[in-house]
Protein backbone atom coordinates (compact mmCIF):
# COMPACT_ATOMS: atom_id res chain seq x y z
CA MET A 1 131.41 91.93 100.77
CA LYS A 2 133.72 89.15 101.91
CA LEU A 3 131.13 86.52 100.99
CA LEU A 4 130.74 88.08 97.54
CA MET A 5 134.49 88.02 96.92
CA GLU A 6 134.78 84.37 98.03
CA SER A 7 131.92 83.30 95.78
CA THR A 8 133.45 85.19 92.85
CA ARG A 9 136.79 83.52 93.48
CA SER A 10 135.18 80.07 93.57
CA MET A 11 133.25 80.79 90.36
CA SER A 12 136.43 81.83 88.56
CA LEU A 13 138.10 78.62 89.76
CA LEU A 14 135.15 76.60 88.45
CA VAL A 15 135.36 78.35 85.08
CA LEU A 16 139.11 77.70 84.99
CA PHE A 17 138.59 73.97 85.57
CA ASN A 18 135.79 73.78 83.01
CA MET A 19 137.96 75.62 80.46
CA ASP A 20 140.45 72.76 80.80
CA ARG A 21 137.68 70.30 79.94
CA PHE A 22 136.93 72.22 76.74
CA LEU A 23 140.54 72.77 75.71
CA VAL A 24 141.75 69.16 75.96
CA PRO A 25 139.34 67.70 73.34
CA LEU A 26 139.89 70.77 71.15
CA LEU A 27 143.66 70.28 71.27
CA ILE A 28 143.30 66.56 70.52
CA ILE A 29 141.16 67.31 67.46
CA ALA A 30 143.61 70.00 66.33
CA ALA A 31 146.55 67.60 66.71
CA LEU A 32 144.77 64.91 64.70
CA PHE A 33 143.88 67.41 61.99
CA LEU A 34 147.46 68.67 61.81
CA ALA A 35 148.85 65.13 61.67
CA GLY A 36 146.42 64.25 58.89
CA ALA A 37 147.32 67.36 56.92
CA LEU A 38 151.05 66.65 57.28
CA PHE A 39 150.62 63.00 56.31
CA ASP A 40 148.54 64.02 53.28
CA TYR A 41 151.17 66.58 52.27
CA ALA A 42 153.97 63.99 52.65
CA THR A 43 152.20 61.44 50.42
CA GLU A 44 151.43 63.88 47.59
CA PHE A 45 154.98 63.88 46.25
């Protein structure tokens, strides 16, 4: 049981680190999209 709990804990840590690798590019793309939308809105008027 102890081995099972340790492996589950290490898997959740691995998923947590991999989630960071997915979120960073997603946030960069979202920031670029938002900046482009704001710049486009500012130049319309």
